[in-house]
Amino acid sequence: MDGNEKAQNAIRMTWELMDILGFERERLGMEWLSASESTKFVQIIKGFTETIYKLGPSISKAA
């Protein structure tokens, strides 16, 4: 198993914990990019920021 696969498994396990704790999965993501994809990086960050803004403050169902 390479580093990318380990990271993807960690994301999946964290999503399961987020489900249990009442957090939206959209608050955590993972993308594969090369160092030369700066434009794509900016698009991903802008999209993620918009998603978080639309979700609003994080309120755990477990709280």
PDB file of N, CA and C in Angstrom:
ATOM      1  N   MET A   1       0.857  -1.178   0.000  1.00  0.00           N
ATOM      2  CA  MET A   1       0.000   0.000   0.000  1.00  0.00           C
ATOM      3  C   MET A   1       0.901   1.238   0.000  1.00  0.00           C
ATOM      4  N   ASP A   2       0.656   2.134  -0.954  1.00  0.00           N
ATOM      5  CA  ASP A   2       1.478   3.341  -1.023  1.00  0.00           C
ATOM      6  C   ASP A   2       0.890   4.459  -0.161  1.00  0.00           C
ATOM      7  N   GLY A   3       1.582   5.575  -0.127  1.00  0.00           N
ATOM      8  CA  GLY A   3       1.155   6.692   0.713  1.00  0.00           C
ATOM      9  C   GLY A   3      -0.210   7.242   0.354  1.00  0.00           C
ATOM     10  N   ASN A   4      -0.519   7.314  -0.949  1.00  0.00           N
ATOM     11  CA  ASN A   4      -1.830   7.815  -1.370  1.00  0.00           C
ATOM     12  C   ASN A   4      -2.953   6.904  -0.887  1.00  0.00           C
ATOM     13  N   GLU A   5      -2.729   5.599  -0.966  1.00  0.00           N
ATOM     14  CA  GLU A   5      -3.747   4.647  -0.500  1.00  0.00           C
ATOM     15  C   GLU A   5      -3.926   4.732   1.011  1.00  0.00           C
ATOM     16  N   LYS A   6      -2.834   4.893   1.736  1.00  0.00           N
ATOM     17  CA  LYS A   6      -2.920   5.045   3.193  1.00  0.00           C
ATOM     18  C   LYS A   6      -3.691   6.315   3.550  1.00  0.00           C
ATOM     19  N   ALA A   7      -3.407   7.383   2.834  1.00  0.00           N
ATOM     20  CA  ALA A   7      -4.111   8.644   3.088  1.00  0.00           C
ATOM     21  C   ALA A   7      -5.600   8.503   2.793  1.00  0.00           C
ATOM     22  N   GLN A   8      -5.948   7.835   1.685  1.00  0.00           N
ATOM     23  CA  GLN A   8      -7.358   7.637   1.341  1.00  0.00           C
ATOM     24  C   GLN A   8      -8.061   6.797   2.401  1.00  0.00           C
ATOM     25  N   ASN A   9      -7.384   5.779   2.924  1.00  0.00           N
ATOM     26  CA  ASN A   9      -7.965   4.973   4.001  1.00  0.00           C
ATOM     27  C   ASN A   9      -8.177   5.815   5.253  1.00  0.00           C
ATOM     28  N   ALA A  10      -7.227   6.690   5.551  1.00  0.00           N
ATOM     29  CA  ALA A  10      -7.374   7.573   6.714  1.00  0.00           C
ATOM     30  C   ALA A  10      -8.566   8.506   6.535  1.00  0.00           C
ATOM     31  N   ILE A  11      -8.768   9.012   5.329  1.00  0.00           N
ATOM     32  CA  ILE A  11      -9.917   9.877   5.043  1.00  0.00           C
ATOM     33  C   ILE A  11     -11.210   9.100   5.258  1.00  0.00           C
ATOM     34  N   ARG A  12     -11.274   7.875   4.739  1.00  0.00           N
ATOM     35  CA  ARG A  12     -12.486   7.058   4.899  1.00  0.00           C
ATOM     36  C   ARG A  12     -12.802   6.806   6.369  1.00  0.00           C
ATOM     37  N   MET A  13     -11.779   6.477   7.155  1.00  0.00           N
ATOM     38  CA  MET A  13     -12.007   6.237   8.586  1.00  0.00           C
ATOM     39  C   MET A  13     -12.455   7.519   9.285  1.00  0.00           C
ATOM     40  N   THR A  14     -11.863   8.637   8.896  1.00  0.00           N
ATOM     41  CA  THR A  14     -12.250   9.915   9.495  1.00  0.00           C
ATOM     42  C   THR A  14     -13.679  10.272   9.124  1.00  0.00           C
ATOM     43  N   TRP A  15     -14.092   9.991   7.871  1.00  0.00           N
ATOM     44  CA  TRP A  15     -15.486  10.223   7.480  1.00  0.00           C
ATOM     45  C   TRP A  15     -16.440   9.410   8.358  1.00  0.00           C
ATOM     46  N   GLU A  16     -16.072   8.171   8.657  1.00  0.00           N
ATOM     47  CA  GLU A  16     -16.917   7.340   9.523  1.00  0.00           C
ATOM     48  C   GLU A  16     -17.042   7.964  10.908  1.00  0.00           C
ATOM     49  N   LEU A  17     -15.934   8.459  11.444  1.00  0.00           N
ATOM     50  CA  LEU A  17     -15.980   9.143  12.739  1.00  0.00           C
ATOM     51  C   LEU A  17     -16.818  10.416  12.663  1.00  0.00           C
ATOM     52  N   MET A  18     -16.688  11.139  11.571  1.00  0.00           N
ATOM     53  CA  MET A  18     -17.477  12.359  11.393  1.00  0.00           C
ATOM     54  C   MET A  18     -18.969  12.036  11.367  1.00  0.00           C
ATOM     55  N   ASP A  19     -19.334  10.925  10.710  1.00  0.00           N
ATOM     56  CA  ASP A  19     -20.736  10.492  10.695  1.00  0.00           C
ATOM     57  C   ASP A  19     -21.234  10.242  12.113  1.00  0.00           C
ATOM     58  N   ILE A  20     -20.436   9.551  12.902  1.00  0.00           N
ATOM     59  CA  ILE A  20     -20.813   9.231  14.280  1.00  0.00           C
ATOM     60  C   ILE A  20     -20.971  10.502  15.105  1.00  0.00           C
ATOM     61  N   LEU A  21     -20.074  11.450  14.900  1.00  0.00           N
ATOM     62  CA  LEU A  21     -20.073  12.685  15.686  1.00  0.00           C
ATOM     63  C   LEU A  21     -21.024  13.750  15.159  1.00  0.00           C
ATOM     64  N   GLY A  22     -21.594  13.511  13.978  1.00  0.00           N
ATOM     65  CA  GLY A  22     -22.573  14.447  13.445  1.00  0.00           C
ATOM     66  C   GLY A  22     -22.012  15.553  12.572  1.00  0.00           C
ATOM     67  N   PHE A  23     -20.813  15.376  12.068  1.00  0.00           N
ATOM     68  CA  PHE A  23     -20.218  16.368  11.175  1.00  0.00           C
ATOM     69  C   PHE A  23     -20.460  15.978   9.720  1.00  0.00           C
ATOM     70  N   GLU A  24     -20.640  16.961   8.872  1.00  0.00           N
ATOM     71  CA  GLU A  24     -20.835  16.702   7.453  1.00  0.00           C
ATOM     72  C   GLU A  24     -19.524  16.232   6.823  1.00  0.00           C
ATOM     73  N   ARG A  25     -19.609  15.200   5.983  1.00  0.00           N
ATOM     74  CA  ARG A  25     -18.415  14.682   5.305  1.00  0.00           C
ATOM     75  C   ARG A  25     -17.779  15.718   4.388  1.00  0.00           C
ATOM     76  N   GLU A  26     -18.564  16.659   3.917  1.00  0.00           N
ATOM     77  CA  GLU A  26     -18.037  17.679   2.997  1.00  0.00           C
ATOM     78  C   GLU A  26     -16.984  18.567   3.656  1.00  0.00           C
ATOM     79  N   ARG A  27     -16.875  18.499   4.983  1.00  0.00           N
ATOM     80  CA  ARG A  27     -15.893  19.316   5.688  1.00  0.00           C
ATOM     81  C   ARG A  27     -14.477  18.753   5.578  1.00  0.00           C
ATOM     82  N   LEU A  28     -14.344  17.573   4.992  1.00  0.00           N
ATOM     83  CA  LEU A  28     -13.033  16.948   4.821  1.00  0.00           C
ATOM     84  C   LEU A  28     -12.945  16.362   3.425  1.00  0.00           C
ATOM     85  N   GLY A  29     -11.894  16.666   2.731  1.00  0.00           N
ATOM     86  CA  GLY A  29     -11.726  16.135   1.388  1.00  0.00           C
ATOM     87  C   GLY A  29     -10.272  15.865   1.084  1.00  0.00           C
ATOM     88  N   MET A  30     -10.063  15.236  -0.056  1.00  0.00           N
ATOM     89  CA  MET A  30      -8.708  14.922  -0.491  1.00  0.00           C
ATOM     90  C   MET A  30      -8.664  14.965  -2.008  1.00  0.00           C
ATOM     91  N   GLU A  31      -7.634  15.562  -2.527  1.00  0.00           N
ATOM     92  CA  GLU A  31      -7.443  15.664  -3.975  1.00  0.00           C
ATOM     93  C   GLU A  31      -6.013  15.267  -4.312  1.00  0.00           C
ATOM     94  N   TRP A  32      -5.824  14.691  -5.487  1.00  0.00           N
ATOM     95  CA  TRP A  32      -4.493  14.368  -5.982  1.00  0.00           C
ATOM     96  C   TRP A  32      -4.104  15.411  -7.015  1.00  0.00           C
ATOM     97  N   LEU A  33      -2.951  16.035  -6.801  1.00  0.00           N
ATOM     98  CA  LEU A  33      -2.444  17.059  -7.716  1.00  0.00           C
ATOM     99  C   LEU A  33      -0.944  16.896  -7.877  1.00  0.00           C
ATOM    100  N   SER A  34      -0.451  17.381  -8.982  1.00  0.00           N
ATOM    101  CA  SER A  34       1.003  17.473  -9.134  1.00  0.00           C
ATOM    102  C   SER A  34       1.416  18.912  -8.824  1.00  0.00           C
ATOM    103  N   ALA A  35       2.687  19.102  -8.601  1.00  0.00           N
ATOM    104  CA  ALA A  35       3.186  20.439  -8.264  1.00  0.00           C
ATOM    105  C   ALA A  35       2.931  21.451  -9.373  1.00  0.00           C
ATOM    106  N   SER A  36       2.750  20.986 -10.590  1.00  0.00           N
ATOM    107  CA  SER A  36       2.547  21.901 -11.720  1.00  0.00           C
ATOM    108  C   SER A  36       1.092  22.334 -11.895  1.00  0.00           C
ATOM    109  N   GLU A  37       0.192  21.830 -11.073  1.00  0.00           N
ATOM    110  CA  GLU A  37      -1.238  22.118 -11.240  1.00  0.00           C
ATOM    111  C   GLU A  37      -1.719  23.240 -10.316  1.00  0.00           C
ATOM    112  N   SER A  38      -1.040  24.362 -10.372  1.00  0.00           N
ATOM    113  CA  SER A  38      -1.384  25.469  -9.476  1.00  0.00           C
ATOM    114  C   SER A  38      -2.780  26.024  -9.749  1.00  0.00           C
ATOM    115  N   THR A  39      -3.186  26.086 -10.998  1.00  0.00           N
ATOM    116  CA  THR A  39      -4.522  26.596 -11.329  1.00  0.00           C
ATOM    117  C   THR A  39      -5.597  25.684 -10.758  1.00  0.00           C
ATOM    118  N   LYS A  40      -5.393  24.388 -10.895  1.00  0.00           N
ATOM    119  CA  LYS A  40      -6.351  23.427 -10.348  1.00  0.00           C
ATOM    120  C   LYS A  40      -6.391  23.525  -8.824  1.00  0.00           C
ATOM    121  N   PHE A  41      -5.224  23.724  -8.200  1.00  0.00           N
ATOM    122  CA  PHE A  41      -5.158  23.873  -6.749  1.00  0.00           C
ATOM    123  C   PHE A  41      -6.021  25.048  -6.288  1.00  0.00           C
ATOM    124  N   VAL A  42      -5.883  26.168  -6.965  1.00  0.00           N
ATOM    125  CA  VAL A  42      -6.666  27.359  -6.615  1.00  0.00           C
ATOM    126  C   VAL A  42      -8.159  27.072  -6.760  1.00  0.00           C
ATOM    127  N   GLN A  43      -8.554  26.394  -7.834  1.00  0.00           N
ATOM    128  CA  GLN A  43      -9.967  26.056  -8.050  1.00  0.00           C
ATOM    129  C   GLN A  43     -10.489  25.152  -6.935  1.00  0.00           C
ATOM    130  N   ILE A  44      -9.699  24.179  -6.541  1.00  0.00           N
ATOM    131  CA  ILE A  44     -10.109  23.255  -5.484  1.00  0.00           C
ATOM    132  C   ILE A  44     -10.291  24.000  -4.165  1.00  0.00           C
ATOM    133  N   ILE A  45      -9.343  24.855  -3.828  1.00  0.00           N
ATOM    134  CA  ILE A  45      -9.429  25.610  -2.572  1.00  0.00           C
ATOM    135  C   ILE A  45     -10.631  26.545  -2.585  1.00  0.00           C
ATOM    136  N   LYS A  46     -10.868  27.221  -3.695  1.00  0.00           N
ATOM    137  CA  LYS A  46     -12.039  28.101  -3.789  1.00  0.00           C
ATOM    138  C   LYS A  46     -13.327  27.301  -3.636  1.00  0.00           C
ATOM    139  N   GLY A  47     -13.402  26.154  -4.300  1.00  0.00           N
ATOM    140  CA  GLY A  47     -14.589  25.314  -4.192  1.00  0.00           C
ATOM    141  C   GLY A  47     -14.803  24.808  -2.779  1.00  0.00           C
ATOM    142  N   PHE A  48     -13.716  24.393  -2.124  1.00  0.00           N
ATOM    143  CA  PHE A  48     -13.816  23.911  -0.748  1.00  0.00           C
ATOM    144  C   PHE A  48     -14.262  25.034   0.184  1.00  0.00           C
ATOM    145  N   THR A  49     -13.701  26.215  -0.016  1.00  0.00           N
ATOM    146  CA  THR A  49     -14.083  27.370   0.802  1.00  0.00           C
ATOM    147  C   THR A  49     -15.563  27.693   0.628  1.00  0.00           C
ATOM    148  N   GLU A  50     -16.050  27.649  -0.599  1.00  0.00           N
ATOM    149  CA  GLU A  50     -17.477  27.893  -0.855  1.00  0.00           C
ATOM    150  C   GLU A  50     -18.345  26.842  -0.167  1.00  0.00           C
ATOM    151  N   THR A  51     -17.926  25.591  -0.235  1.00  0.00           N
ATOM    152  CA  THR A  51     -18.680  24.510   0.410  1.00  0.00           C
ATOM    153  C   THR A  51     -18.771  24.736   1.910  1.00  0.00           C
ATOM    154  N   ILE A  52     -17.655  25.053   2.535  1.00  0.00           N
ATOM    155  CA  ILE A  52     -17.639  25.281   3.985  1.00  0.00           C
ATOM    156  C   ILE A  52     -18.499  26.489   4.335  1.00  0.00           C
ATOM    157  N   TYR A  53     -18.417  27.534   3.533  1.00  0.00           N
ATOM    158  CA  TYR A  53     -19.228  28.728   3.779  1.00  0.00           C
ATOM    159  C   TYR A  53     -20.713  28.383   3.721  1.00  0.00           C
ATOM    160  N   LYS A  54     -21.113  27.588   2.714  1.00  0.00           N
ATOM    161  CA  LYS A  54     -22.518  27.203   2.574  1.00  0.00           C
ATOM    162  C   LYS A  54     -22.980  26.309   3.719  1.00  0.00           C
ATOM    163  N   LEU A  55     -22.080  25.456   4.223  1.00  0.00           N
ATOM    164  CA  LEU A  55     -22.442  24.585   5.344  1.00  0.00           C
ATOM    165  C   LEU A  55     -22.645  25.388   6.625  1.00  0.00           C
ATOM    166  N   GLY A  56     -21.941  26.486   6.743  1.00  0.00           N
ATOM    167  CA  GLY A  56     -22.053  27.316   7.932  1.00  0.00           C
ATOM    168  C   GLY A  56     -21.265  26.738   9.091  1.00  0.00           C
ATOM    169  N   PRO A  57     -21.480  27.296  10.271  1.00  0.00           N
ATOM    170  CA  PRO A  57     -20.753  26.814  11.446  1.00  0.00           C
ATOM    171  C   PRO A  57     -21.013  25.328  11.675  1.00  0.00           C
ATOM    172  N   SER A  58     -19.995  24.656  12.134  1.00  0.00           N
ATOM    173  CA  SER A  58     -20.109  23.228  12.404  1.00  0.00           C
ATOM    174  C   SER A  58     -20.786  23.015  13.754  1.00  0.00           C
ATOM    175  N   ILE A  59     -21.903  22.325  13.713  1.00  0.00           N
ATOM    176  CA  ILE A  59     -22.623  22.011  14.948  1.00  0.00           C
ATOM    177  C   ILE A  59     -22.761  20.501  15.016  1.00  0.00           C
ATOM    178  N   SER A  60     -22.071  19.901  15.952  1.00  0.00           N
ATOM    179  CA  SER A  60     -22.103  18.449  16.083  1.00  0.00           C
ATOM    180  C   SER A  60     -23.429  17.985  16.660  1.00  0.00           C
ATOM    181  N   LYS A  61     -23.994  16.917  16.074  1.00  0.00           N
ATOM    182  CA  LYS A  61     -25.220  16.322  16.605  1.00  0.00           C
ATOM    183  C   LYS A  61     -24.966  15.685  17.957  1.00  0.00           C
ATOM    184  N   ALA A  62     -23.703  15.352  18.230  1.00  0.00           N
ATOM    185  CA  ALA A  62     -23.358  14.690  19.485  1.00  0.00           C
ATOM    186  C   ALA A  62     -23.228  15.670  20.643  1.00  0.00           C
ATOM    187  N   ALA A  63     -23.163  16.956  20.357  1.00  0.00           N
ATOM    188  CA  ALA A  63     -22.953  17.959  21.416  1.00  0.00           C
ATOM    189  C   ALA A  63     -24.177  18.141  22.280  1.00  0.00           C
TER     190      ALA A  63
END
